[in-house]
Amino acid sequence: MSSTLIDNMAVDEFAATHLPWSLDVSRTSELSHSTTVLGDCWAVSSRLGGMVGERSTREIRRTEGEFLAVLLVRRGREVFTQKGHKAVVTPGSALLWDGVLPA
């Protein structure tokens, strides 16, 4: 597990833990994350406040393979947009998203 006050290296490491993302992170937040490999799948757990991320065609081109992802929120909320659809994911809810489409 990695935990540190946010710096560019920590953000880059976190952005590459599962699929490439372009992230803009509040530099006063504390970041912690871990990845658990489950055969061909993996689970990424993270705690972070104040982040905006984008997975554009640039990041998708850097991804080998096709992925389907599940976003689960335990605390706080995440706003997720893909294919013109916006969802607010709140504690106890989940969202399924396509890793080969911009988000």
PDB file of N, CA and C in Angstrom:
ATOM      1  N   MET A   1       0.860  -1.174   0.000  1.00  0.00           N
ATOM      2  CA  MET A   1       0.000   0.000   0.000  1.00  0.00           C
ATOM      3  C   MET A   1       0.893   1.219   0.000  1.00  0.00           C
ATOM      4  N   SER A   2       0.438   2.243  -0.674  1.00  0.00           N
ATOM      5  CA  SER A   2       1.173   3.495  -0.758  1.00  0.00           C
ATOM      6  C   SER A   2       0.352   4.584  -0.085  1.00  0.00           C
ATOM      7  N   SER A   3       0.969   5.367   0.785  1.00  0.00           N
ATOM      8  CA  SER A   3       0.266   6.475   1.422  1.00  0.00           C
ATOM      9  C   SER A   3       1.233   7.634   1.568  1.00  0.00           C
ATOM     10  N   THR A   4       0.866   8.781   1.055  1.00  0.00           N
ATOM     11  CA  THR A   4       1.741   9.943   1.108  1.00  0.00           C
ATOM     12  C   THR A   4       0.922  11.181   0.820  1.00  0.00           C
ATOM     13  N   LEU A   5       1.437  12.344   1.244  1.00  0.00           N
ATOM     14  CA  LEU A   5       0.820  13.571   0.761  1.00  0.00           C
ATOM     15  C   LEU A   5       1.046  13.602  -0.742  1.00  0.00           C
ATOM     16  N   ILE A   6       0.106  14.140  -1.464  1.00  0.00           N
ATOM     17  CA  ILE A   6       0.117  14.038  -2.913  1.00  0.00           C
ATOM     18  C   ILE A   6       1.304  14.772  -3.522  1.00  0.00           C
ATOM     19  N   ASP A   7       2.027  14.082  -4.399  1.00  0.00           N
ATOM     20  CA  ASP A   7       3.015  14.691  -5.265  1.00  0.00           C
ATOM     21  C   ASP A   7       2.822  14.072  -6.647  1.00  0.00           C
ATOM     22  N   ASN A   8       3.477  14.611  -7.645  1.00  0.00           N
ATOM     23  CA  ASN A   8       3.266  14.139  -9.011  1.00  0.00           C
ATOM     24  C   ASN A   8       3.589  12.664  -9.169  1.00  0.00           C
ATOM     25  N   MET A   9       4.633  12.161  -8.506  1.00  0.00           N
ATOM     26  CA  MET A   9       4.999  10.759  -8.626  1.00  0.00           C
ATOM     27  C   MET A   9       3.910   9.860  -8.051  1.00  0.00           C
ATOM     28  N   ALA A  10       3.346  10.228  -6.909  1.00  0.00           N
ATOM     29  CA  ALA A  10       2.277   9.440  -6.301  1.00  0.00           C
ATOM     30  C   ALA A  10       1.038   9.424  -7.189  1.00  0.00           C
ATOM     31  N   VAL A  11       0.712  10.543  -7.808  1.00  0.00           N
ATOM     32  CA  VAL A  11      -0.446  10.617  -8.703  1.00  0.00           C
ATOM     33  C   VAL A  11      -0.211   9.748  -9.927  1.00  0.00           C
ATOM     34  N   ASP A  12       0.977   9.823 -10.523  1.00  0.00           N
ATOM     35  CA  ASP A  12       1.285   9.007 -11.695  1.00  0.00           C
ATOM     36  C   ASP A  12       1.212   7.522 -11.369  1.00  0.00           C
ATOM     37  N   GLU A  13       1.739   7.145 -10.210  1.00  0.00           N
ATOM     38  CA  GLU A  13       1.685   5.735  -9.782  1.00  0.00           C
ATOM     39  C   GLU A  13       0.236   5.294  -9.614  1.00  0.00           C
ATOM     40  N   PHE A  14      -0.564   6.101  -8.937  1.00  0.00           N
ATOM     41  CA  PHE A  14      -1.975   5.759  -8.724  1.00  0.00           C
ATOM     42  C   PHE A  14      -2.727   5.672 -10.053  1.00  0.00           C
ATOM     43  N   ALA A  15      -2.467   6.607 -10.968  1.00  0.00           N
ATOM     44  CA  ALA A  15      -3.157   6.634 -12.262  1.00  0.00           C
ATOM     45  C   ALA A  15      -2.851   5.405 -13.098  1.00  0.00           C
ATOM     46  N   ALA A  16      -1.730   4.725 -12.833  1.00  0.00           N
ATOM     47  CA  ALA A  16      -1.340   3.555 -13.617  1.00  0.00           C
ATOM     48  C   ALA A  16      -1.619   2.237 -12.888  1.00  0.00           C
ATOM     49  N   THR A  17      -2.248   2.277 -11.710  1.00  0.00           N
ATOM     50  CA  THR A  17      -2.440   1.044 -10.948  1.00  0.00           C
ATOM     51  C   THR A  17      -3.423   0.091 -11.595  1.00  0.00           C
ATOM     52  N   HIS A  18      -4.364   0.596 -12.344  1.00  0.00           N
ATOM     53  CA  HIS A  18      -5.345  -0.292 -12.969  1.00  0.00           C
ATOM     54  C   HIS A  18      -5.414  -0.024 -14.469  1.00  0.00           C
ATOM     55  N   LEU A  19      -5.904   1.107 -14.890  1.00  0.00           N
ATOM     56  CA  LEU A  19      -5.921   1.518 -16.291  1.00  0.00           C
ATOM     57  C   LEU A  19      -5.401   2.940 -16.359  1.00  0.00           C
ATOM     58  N   PRO A  20      -4.727   3.313 -17.454  1.00  0.00           N
ATOM     59  CA  PRO A  20      -4.207   4.685 -17.548  1.00  0.00           C
ATOM     60  C   PRO A  20      -5.321   5.735 -17.465  1.00  0.00           C
ATOM     61  N   TRP A  21      -5.090   6.755 -16.631  1.00  0.00           N
ATOM     62  CA  TRP A  21      -5.996   7.892 -16.456  1.00  0.00           C
ATOM     63  C   TRP A  21      -5.156   9.160 -16.423  1.00  0.00           C
ATOM     64  N   SER A  22      -5.736  10.259 -16.817  1.00  0.00           N
ATOM     65  CA  SER A  22      -5.159  11.578 -16.614  1.00  0.00           C
ATOM     66  C   SER A  22      -5.853  12.137 -15.381  1.00  0.00           C
ATOM     67  N   LEU A  23      -5.098  12.387 -14.313  1.00  0.00           N
ATOM     68  CA  LEU A  23      -5.692  12.805 -13.044  1.00  0.00           C
ATOM     69  C   LEU A  23      -5.234  14.186 -12.631  1.00  0.00           C
ATOM     70  N   ASP A  24      -6.157  14.945 -12.056  1.00  0.00           N
ATOM     71  CA  ASP A  24      -5.862  16.229 -11.432  1.00  0.00           C
ATOM     72  C   ASP A  24      -6.304  16.083  -9.983  1.00  0.00           C
ATOM     73  N   VAL A  25      -5.345  16.065  -9.085  1.00  0.00           N
ATOM     74  CA  VAL A  25      -5.606  15.738  -7.689  1.00  0.00           C
ATOM     75  C   VAL A  25      -5.295  16.925  -6.797  1.00  0.00           C
ATOM     76  N   SER A  26      -6.159  17.167  -5.822  1.00  0.00           N
ATOM     77  CA  SER A  26      -5.902  18.202  -4.824  1.00  0.00           C
ATOM     78  C   SER A  26      -4.606  17.862  -4.095  1.00  0.00           C
ATOM     79  N   ARG A  27      -3.672  18.780  -4.091  1.00  0.00           N
ATOM     80  CA  ARG A  27      -2.358  18.507  -3.495  1.00  0.00           C
ATOM     81  C   ARG A  27      -2.378  18.481  -1.969  1.00  0.00           C
ATOM     82  N   THR A  28      -3.504  18.803  -1.347  1.00  0.00           N
ATOM     83  CA  THR A  28      -3.575  18.762   0.112  1.00  0.00           C
ATOM     84  C   THR A  28      -4.253  17.482   0.598  1.00  0.00           C
ATOM     85  N   SER A  29      -4.660  16.622  -0.318  1.00  0.00           N
ATOM     86  CA  SER A  29      -5.309  15.368   0.045  1.00  0.00           C
ATOM     87  C   SER A  29      -4.274  14.324   0.393  1.00  0.00           C
ATOM     88  N   GLU A  30      -4.691  13.321   1.131  1.00  0.00           N
ATOM     89  CA  GLU A  30      -3.835  12.175   1.371  1.00  0.00           C
ATOM     90  C   GLU A  30      -4.338  11.031   0.513  1.00  0.00           C
ATOM     91  N   LEU A  31      -3.423  10.359  -0.148  1.00  0.00           N
ATOM     92  CA  LEU A  31      -3.737   9.274  -1.059  1.00  0.00           C
ATOM     93  C   LEU A  31      -3.302   7.952  -0.454  1.00  0.00           C
ATOM     94  N   SER A  32      -4.193   6.980  -0.445  1.00  0.00           N
ATOM     95  CA  SER A  32      -3.798   5.617  -0.113  1.00  0.00           C
ATOM     96  C   SER A  32      -4.482   4.699  -1.106  1.00  0.00           C
ATOM     97  N   HIS A  33      -3.764   3.680  -1.549  1.00  0.00           N
ATOM     98  CA  HIS A  33      -4.348   2.744  -2.505  1.00  0.00           C
ATOM     99  C   HIS A  33      -3.634   1.403  -2.425  1.00  0.00           C
ATOM    100  N   SER A  34      -4.341   0.370  -2.833  1.00  0.00           N
ATOM    101  CA  SER A  34      -3.757  -0.954  -2.929  1.00  0.00           C
ATOM    102  C   SER A  34      -4.451  -1.695  -4.060  1.00  0.00           C
ATOM    103  N   THR A  35      -3.734  -2.631  -4.651  1.00  0.00           N
ATOM    104  CA  THR A  35      -4.277  -3.442  -5.730  1.00  0.00           C
ATOM    105  C   THR A  35      -4.150  -4.902  -5.334  1.00  0.00           C
ATOM    106  N   THR A  36      -5.232  -5.656  -5.482  1.00  0.00           N
ATOM    107  CA  THR A  36      -5.240  -7.083  -5.208  1.00  0.00           C
ATOM    108  C   THR A  36      -5.531  -7.814  -6.511  1.00  0.00           C
ATOM    109  N   VAL A  37      -4.643  -8.717  -6.913  1.00  0.00           N
ATOM    110  CA  VAL A  37      -4.824  -9.488  -8.138  1.00  0.00           C
ATOM    111  C   VAL A  37      -5.679 -10.709  -7.819  1.00  0.00           C
ATOM    112  N   LEU A  38      -6.718 -10.891  -8.622  1.00  0.00           N
ATOM    113  CA  LEU A  38      -7.666 -11.994  -8.450  1.00  0.00           C
ATOM    114  C   LEU A  38      -7.727 -12.795  -9.754  1.00  0.00           C
ATOM    115  N   GLY A  39      -6.658 -13.494 -10.091  1.00  0.00           N
ATOM    116  CA  GLY A  39      -6.593 -14.199 -11.364  1.00  0.00           C
ATOM    117  C   GLY A  39      -6.485 -13.205 -12.501  1.00  0.00           C
ATOM    118  N   ASP A  40      -7.420 -13.262 -13.468  1.00  0.00           N
ATOM    119  CA  ASP A  40      -7.427 -12.329 -14.589  1.00  0.00           C
ATOM    120  C   ASP A  40      -8.033 -10.982 -14.217  1.00  0.00           C
ATOM    121  N   CYS A  41      -8.588 -10.867 -13.045  1.00  0.00           N
ATOM    122  CA  CYS A  41      -9.218  -9.628 -12.571  1.00  0.00           C
ATOM    123  C   CYS A  41      -8.370  -9.033 -11.455  1.00  0.00           C
ATOM    124  N   TRP A  42      -8.654  -7.802 -11.124  1.00  0.00           N
ATOM    125  CA  TRP A  42      -8.008  -7.201  -9.963  1.00  0.00           C
ATOM    126  C   TRP A  42      -8.949  -6.209  -9.323  1.00  0.00           C
ATOM    127  N   ALA A  43      -8.686  -5.954  -8.053  1.00  0.00           N
ATOM    128  CA  ALA A  43      -9.474  -4.990  -7.288  1.00  0.00           C
ATOM    129  C   ALA A  43      -8.542  -3.877  -6.834  1.00  0.00           C
ATOM    130  N   VAL A  44      -8.949  -2.643  -7.080  1.00  0.00           N
ATOM    131  CA  VAL A  44      -8.171  -1.478  -6.657  1.00  0.00           C
ATOM    132  C   VAL A  44      -8.970  -0.776  -5.577  1.00  0.00           C
ATOM    133  N   SER A  45      -8.361  -0.604  -4.428  1.00  0.00           N
ATOM    134  CA  SER A  45      -8.979   0.126  -3.328  1.00  0.00           C
ATOM    135  C   SER A  45      -8.232   1.442  -3.187  1.00  0.00           C
ATOM    136  N   SER A  46      -8.979   2.534  -3.047  1.00  0.00           N
ATOM    137  CA  SER A  46      -8.309   3.824  -2.896  1.00  0.00           C
ATOM    138  C   SER A  46      -9.098   4.730  -1.983  1.00  0.00           C
ATOM    139  N   ARG A  47      -8.388   5.645  -1.385  1.00  0.00           N
ATOM    140  CA  ARG A  47      -8.990   6.699  -0.569  1.00  0.00           C
ATOM    141  C   ARG A  47      -8.302   7.994  -0.960  1.00  0.00           C
ATOM    142  N   LEU A  48      -9.112   8.941  -1.398  1.00  0.00           N
ATOM    143  CA  LEU A  48      -8.567  10.205  -1.868  1.00  0.00           C
ATOM    144  C   LEU A  48      -9.689  11.206  -1.967  1.00  0.00           C
ATOM    145  N   GLY A  49      -9.431  12.439  -1.626  1.00  0.00           N
ATOM    146  CA  GLY A  49     -10.422  13.495  -1.786  1.00  0.00           C
ATOM    147  C   GLY A  49      -9.959  14.485  -2.826  1.00  0.00           C
ATOM    148  N   GLY A  50     -10.873  15.116  -3.480  1.00  0.00           N
ATOM    149  CA  GLY A  50     -10.535  16.189  -4.393  1.00  0.00           C
ATOM    150  C   GLY A  50      -9.822  15.767  -5.663  1.00  0.00           C
ATOM    151  N   MET A  51     -10.383  14.828  -6.413  1.00  0.00           N
ATOM    152  CA  MET A  51      -9.751  14.361  -7.641  1.00  0.00           C
ATOM    153  C   MET A  51     -10.701  14.505  -8.821  1.00  0.00           C
ATOM    154  N   VAL A  52     -10.136  14.877  -9.972  1.00  0.00           N
ATOM    155  CA  VAL A  52     -10.856  14.865 -11.243  1.00  0.00           C
ATOM    156  C   VAL A  52     -10.017  14.018 -12.186  1.00  0.00           C
ATOM    157  N   GLY A  53     -10.650  13.097 -12.895  1.00  0.00           N
ATOM    158  CA  GLY A  53      -9.910  12.231 -13.806  1.00  0.00           C
ATOM    159  C   GLY A  53     -10.579  12.129 -15.160  1.00  0.00           C
ATOM    160  N   GLU A  54      -9.780  11.825 -16.156  1.00  0.00           N
ATOM    161  CA  GLU A  54     -10.305  11.633 -17.505  1.00  0.00           C
ATOM    162  C   GLU A  54      -9.580  10.451 -18.135  1.00  0.00           C
ATOM    163  N   ARG A  55     -10.351   9.638 -18.823  1.00  0.00           N
ATOM    164  CA  ARG A  55      -9.791   8.540 -19.596  1.00  0.00           C
ATOM    165  C   ARG A  55     -10.169   8.808 -21.051  1.00  0.00           C
ATOM    166  N   SER A  56      -9.277   9.510 -21.751  1.00  0.00           N
ATOM    167  CA  SER A  56      -9.541   9.933 -23.124  1.00  0.00           C
ATOM    168  C   SER A  56      -8.971   8.901 -24.095  1.00  0.00           C
ATOM    169  N   THR A  57      -9.097   9.191 -25.379  1.00  0.00           N
ATOM    170  CA  THR A  57      -8.548   8.272 -26.380  1.00  0.00           C
ATOM    171  C   THR A  57      -7.040   8.113 -26.206  1.00  0.00           C
ATOM    172  N   ARG A  58      -6.367   9.135 -25.696  1.00  0.00           N
ATOM    173  CA  ARG A  58      -4.915   9.041 -25.433  1.00  0.00           C
ATOM    174  C   ARG A  58      -4.616   7.932 -24.428  1.00  0.00           C
ATOM    175  N   GLU A  59      -5.344   7.900 -23.318  1.00  0.00           N
ATOM    176  CA  GLU A  59      -5.132   6.866 -22.298  1.00  0.00           C
ATOM    177  C   GLU A  59      -5.607   5.499 -22.796  1.00  0.00           C
ATOM    178  N   ILE A  60      -6.686   5.486 -23.550  1.00  0.00           N
ATOM    179  CA  ILE A  60      -7.206   4.216 -24.077  1.00  0.00           C
ATOM    180  C   ILE A  60      -6.197   3.587 -25.034  1.00  0.00           C
ATOM    181  N   ARG A  61      -5.524   4.393 -25.867  1.00  0.00           N
ATOM    182  CA  ARG A  61      -4.493   3.866 -26.772  1.00  0.00           C
ATOM    183  C   ARG A  61      -3.338   3.234 -26.007  1.00  0.00           C
ATOM    184  N   ARG A  62      -3.093   3.680 -24.778  1.00  0.00           N
ATOM    185  CA  ARG A  62      -2.007   3.135 -23.958  1.00  0.00           C
ATOM    186  C   ARG A  62      -2.438   1.894 -23.176  1.00  0.00           C
ATOM    187  N   THR A  63      -3.639   1.403 -23.416  1.00  0.00           N
ATOM    188  CA  THR A  63      -4.178   0.264 -22.686  1.00  0.00           C
ATOM    189  C   THR A  63      -4.183  -0.969 -23.577  1.00  0.00           C
ATOM    190  N   GLU A  64      -3.569  -2.042 -23.101  1.00  0.00           N
ATOM    191  CA  GLU A  64      -3.615  -3.306 -23.828  1.00  0.00           C
ATOM    192  C   GLU A  64      -4.840  -4.085 -23.367  1.00  0.00           C
ATOM    193  N   GLY A  65      -5.668  -4.508 -24.305  1.00  0.00           N
ATOM    194  CA  GLY A  65      -6.843  -5.306 -23.974  1.00  0.00           C
ATOM    195  C   GLY A  65      -8.088  -4.462 -23.791  1.00  0.00           C
ATOM    196  N   GLU A  66      -9.177  -5.154 -23.544  1.00  0.00           N
ATOM    197  CA  GLU A  66     -10.468  -4.517 -23.307  1.00  0.00           C
ATOM    198  C   GLU A  66     -10.902  -4.833 -21.877  1.00  0.00           C
ATOM    199  N   PHE A  67     -11.479  -3.837 -21.201  1.00  0.00           N
ATOM    200  CA  PHE A  67     -11.823  -3.995 -19.805  1.00  0.00           C
ATOM    201  C   PHE A  67     -13.235  -3.526 -19.507  1.00  0.00           C
ATOM    202  N   LEU A  68     -13.875  -4.223 -18.616  1.00  0.00           N
ATOM    203  CA  LEU A  68     -15.151  -3.831 -18.036  1.00  0.00           C
ATOM    204  C   LEU A  68     -14.854  -3.585 -16.572  1.00  0.00           C
ATOM    205  N   ALA A  69     -15.285  -2.461 -16.032  1.00  0.00           N
ATOM    206  CA  ALA A  69     -14.933  -2.109 -14.655  1.00  0.00           C
ATOM    207  C   ALA A  69     -16.185  -1.844 -13.828  1.00  0.00           C
ATOM    208  N   VAL A  70     -16.055  -2.115 -12.545  1.00  0.00           N
ATOM    209  CA  VAL A  70     -17.116  -1.836 -11.583  1.00  0.00           C
ATOM    210  C   VAL A  70     -16.574  -0.805 -10.600  1.00  0.00           C
ATOM    211  N   LEU A  71     -17.296   0.293 -10.454  1.00  0.00           N
ATOM    212  CA  LEU A  71     -16.949   1.338  -9.493  1.00  0.00           C
ATOM    213  C   LEU A  71     -17.880   1.195  -8.301  1.00  0.00           C
ATOM    214  N   LEU A  72     -17.316   0.963  -7.130  1.00  0.00           N
ATOM    215  CA  LEU A  72     -18.083   0.888  -5.884  1.00  0.00           C
ATOM    216  C   LEU A  72     -17.655   2.039  -4.991  1.00  0.00           C
ATOM    217  N   VAL A  73     -18.603   2.687  -4.375  1.00  0.00           N
ATOM    218  CA  VAL A  73     -18.294   3.811  -3.488  1.00  0.00           C
ATOM    219  C   VAL A  73     -18.723   3.450  -2.069  1.00  0.00           C
ATOM    220  N   ARG A  74     -17.779   3.566  -1.129  1.00  0.00           N
ATOM    221  CA  ARG A  74     -18.095   3.289   0.280  1.00  0.00           C
ATOM    222  C   ARG A  74     -18.373   4.563   1.066  1.00  0.00           C
ATOM    223  N   ARG A  75     -17.655   5.651   0.715  1.00  0.00           N
ATOM    224  CA  ARG A  75     -17.861   6.953   1.370  1.00  0.00           C
ATOM    225  C   ARG A  75     -17.733   8.052   0.334  1.00  0.00           C
ATOM    226  N   GLY A  76     -18.390   9.163   0.596  1.00  0.00           N
ATOM    227  CA  GLY A  76     -18.318  10.283  -0.338  1.00  0.00           C
ATOM    228  C   GLY A  76     -19.175  10.012  -1.562  1.00  0.00           C
ATOM    229  N   ARG A  77     -18.761  10.576  -2.682  1.00  0.00           N
ATOM    230  CA  ARG A  77     -19.506  10.352  -3.918  1.00  0.00           C
ATOM    231  C   ARG A  77     -18.574  10.566  -5.096  1.00  0.00           C
ATOM    232  N   GLU A  78     -18.897   9.946  -6.190  1.00  0.00           N
ATOM    233  CA  GLU A  78     -18.169  10.142  -7.431  1.00  0.00           C
ATOM    234  C   GLU A  78     -19.170  10.443  -8.531  1.00  0.00           C
ATOM    235  N   VAL A  79     -18.809  11.390  -9.377  1.00  0.00           N
ATOM    236  CA  VAL A  79     -19.618  11.709 -10.547  1.00  0.00           C
ATOM    237  C   VAL A  79     -18.886  11.098 -11.733  1.00  0.00           C
ATOM    238  N   PHE A  80     -19.579  10.245 -12.468  1.00  0.00           N
ATOM    239  CA  PHE A  80     -18.969   9.525 -13.581  1.00  0.00           C
ATOM    240  C   PHE A  80     -19.761   9.808 -14.854  1.00  0.00           C
ATOM    241  N   THR A  81     -19.053  10.132 -15.945  1.00  0.00           N
ATOM    242  CA  THR A  81     -19.696  10.416 -17.229  1.00  0.00           C
ATOM    243  C   THR A  81     -19.059   9.550 -18.302  1.00  0.00           C
ATOM    244  N   GLN A  82     -19.912   8.906 -19.101  1.00  0.00           N
ATOM    245  CA  GLN A  82     -19.445   8.117 -20.237  1.00  0.00           C
ATOM    246  C   GLN A  82     -20.542   8.077 -21.286  1.00  0.00           C
ATOM    247  N   LYS A  83     -20.154   8.284 -22.543  1.00  0.00           N
ATOM    248  CA  LYS A  83     -21.095   8.296 -23.669  1.00  0.00           C
ATOM    249  C   LYS A  83     -22.263   9.261 -23.455  1.00  0.00           C
ATOM    250  N   GLY A  84     -21.984  10.416 -22.840  1.00  0.00           N
ATOM    251  CA  GLY A  84     -23.009  11.428 -22.629  1.00  0.00           C
ATOM    252  C   GLY A  84     -23.945  11.147 -21.468  1.00  0.00           C
ATOM    253  N   HIS A  85     -23.724  10.057 -20.736  1.00  0.00           N
ATOM    254  CA  HIS A  85     -24.553   9.726 -19.579  1.00  0.00           C
ATOM    255  C   HIS A  85     -23.772  10.031 -18.302  1.00  0.00           C
ATOM    256  N   LYS A  86     -24.426  10.716 -17.391  1.00  0.00           N
ATOM    257  CA  LYS A  86     -23.789  11.109 -16.133  1.00  0.00           C
ATOM    258  C   LYS A  86     -24.469  10.369 -14.988  1.00  0.00           C
ATOM    259  N   ALA A  87     -23.655   9.835 -14.073  1.00  0.00           N
ATOM    260  CA  ALA A  87     -24.195   9.149 -12.901  1.00  0.00           C
ATOM    261  C   ALA A  87     -23.474   9.636 -11.659  1.00  0.00           C
ATOM    262  N   VAL A  88     -24.204   9.836 -10.590  1.00  0.00           N
ATOM    263  CA  VAL A  88     -23.619  10.148  -9.294  1.00  0.00           C
ATOM    264  C   VAL A  88     -23.641   8.857  -8.492  1.00  0.00           C
ATOM    265  N   VAL A  89     -22.447   8.373  -8.159  1.00  0.00           N
ATOM    266  CA  VAL A  89     -22.302   7.112  -7.440  1.00  0.00           C
ATOM    267  C   VAL A  89     -22.082   7.444  -5.970  1.00  0.00           C
ATOM    268  N   THR A  90     -22.982   6.978  -5.118  1.00  0.00           N
ATOM    269  CA  THR A  90     -22.978   7.303  -3.694  1.00  0.00           C
ATOM    270  C   THR A  90     -22.693   6.048  -2.866  1.00  0.00           C
ATOM    271  N   PRO A  91     -22.451   6.209  -1.569  1.00  0.00           N
ATOM    272  CA  PRO A  91     -22.142   5.048  -0.740  1.00  0.00           C
ATOM    273  C   PRO A  91     -23.177   3.927  -0.881  1.00  0.00           C
ATOM    274  N   GLY A  92     -22.658   2.732  -1.075  1.00  0.00           N
ATOM    275  CA  GLY A  92     -23.517   1.561  -1.212  1.00  0.00           C
ATOM    276  C   GLY A  92     -24.002   1.312  -2.621  1.00  0.00           C
ATOM    277  N   SER A  93     -23.667   2.185  -3.566  1.00  0.00           N
ATOM    278  CA  SER A  93     -24.097   1.964  -4.941  1.00  0.00           C
ATOM    279  C   SER A  93     -22.884   1.626  -5.811  1.00  0.00           C
ATOM    280  N   ALA A  94     -23.156   1.166  -7.018  1.00  0.00           N
ATOM    281  CA  ALA A  94     -22.095   0.747  -7.926  1.00  0.00           C
ATOM    282  C   ALA A  94     -22.423   1.196  -9.344  1.00  0.00           C
ATOM    283  N   LEU A  95     -21.408   1.212 -10.172  1.00  0.00           N
ATOM    284  CA  LEU A  95     -21.544   1.599 -11.567  1.00  0.00           C
ATOM    285  C   LEU A  95     -20.660   0.670 -12.396  1.00  0.00           C
ATOM    286  N   LEU A  96     -21.170   0.192 -13.504  1.00  0.00           N
ATOM    287  CA  LEU A  96     -20.422  -0.625 -14.455  1.00  0.00           C
ATOM    288  C   LEU A  96     -20.007   0.276 -15.608  1.00  0.00           C
ATOM    289  N   TRP A  97     -18.710   0.286 -15.979  1.00  0.00           N
ATOM    290  CA  TRP A  97     -18.262   1.139 -17.070  1.00  0.00           C
ATOM    291  C   TRP A  97     -17.332   0.391 -18.011  1.00  0.00           C
ATOM    292  N   ASP A  98     -17.289   0.880 -19.265  1.00  0.00           N
ATOM    293  CA  ASP A  98     -16.545   0.246 -20.342  1.00  0.00           C
ATOM    294  C   ASP A  98     -15.167   0.878 -20.462  1.00  0.00           C
ATOM    295  N   GLY A  99     -14.119   0.091 -20.327  1.00  0.00           N
ATOM    296  CA  GLY A  99     -12.751   0.594 -20.345  1.00  0.00           C
ATOM    297  C   GLY A  99     -12.215   1.000 -21.697  1.00  0.00           C
ATOM    298  N   VAL A 100     -12.959   0.744 -22.785  1.00  0.00           N
ATOM    299  CA  VAL A 100     -12.480   1.123 -24.116  1.00  0.00           C
ATOM    300  C   VAL A 100     -13.196   2.365 -24.647  1.00  0.00           C
ATOM    301  N   LEU A 101     -14.031   3.001 -23.818  1.00  0.00           N
ATOM    302  CA  LEU A 101     -14.717   4.232 -24.196  1.00  0.00           C
ATOM    303  C   LEU A 101     -14.235   5.376 -23.318  1.00  0.00           C
ATOM    304  N   PRO A 102     -14.107   6.583 -23.866  1.00  0.00           N
ATOM    305  CA  PRO A 102     -13.715   7.730 -23.042  1.00  0.00           C
ATOM    306  C   PRO A 102     -14.674   7.903 -21.856  1.00  0.00           C
ATOM    307  N   ALA A 103     -14.103   8.341 -20.743  1.00  0.00           N
ATOM    308  CA  ALA A 103     -14.889   8.534 -19.520  1.00  0.00           C
ATOM    309  C   ALA A 103     -14.334   9.703 -18.731  1.00  0.00           C
TER     310      ALA A 103
END
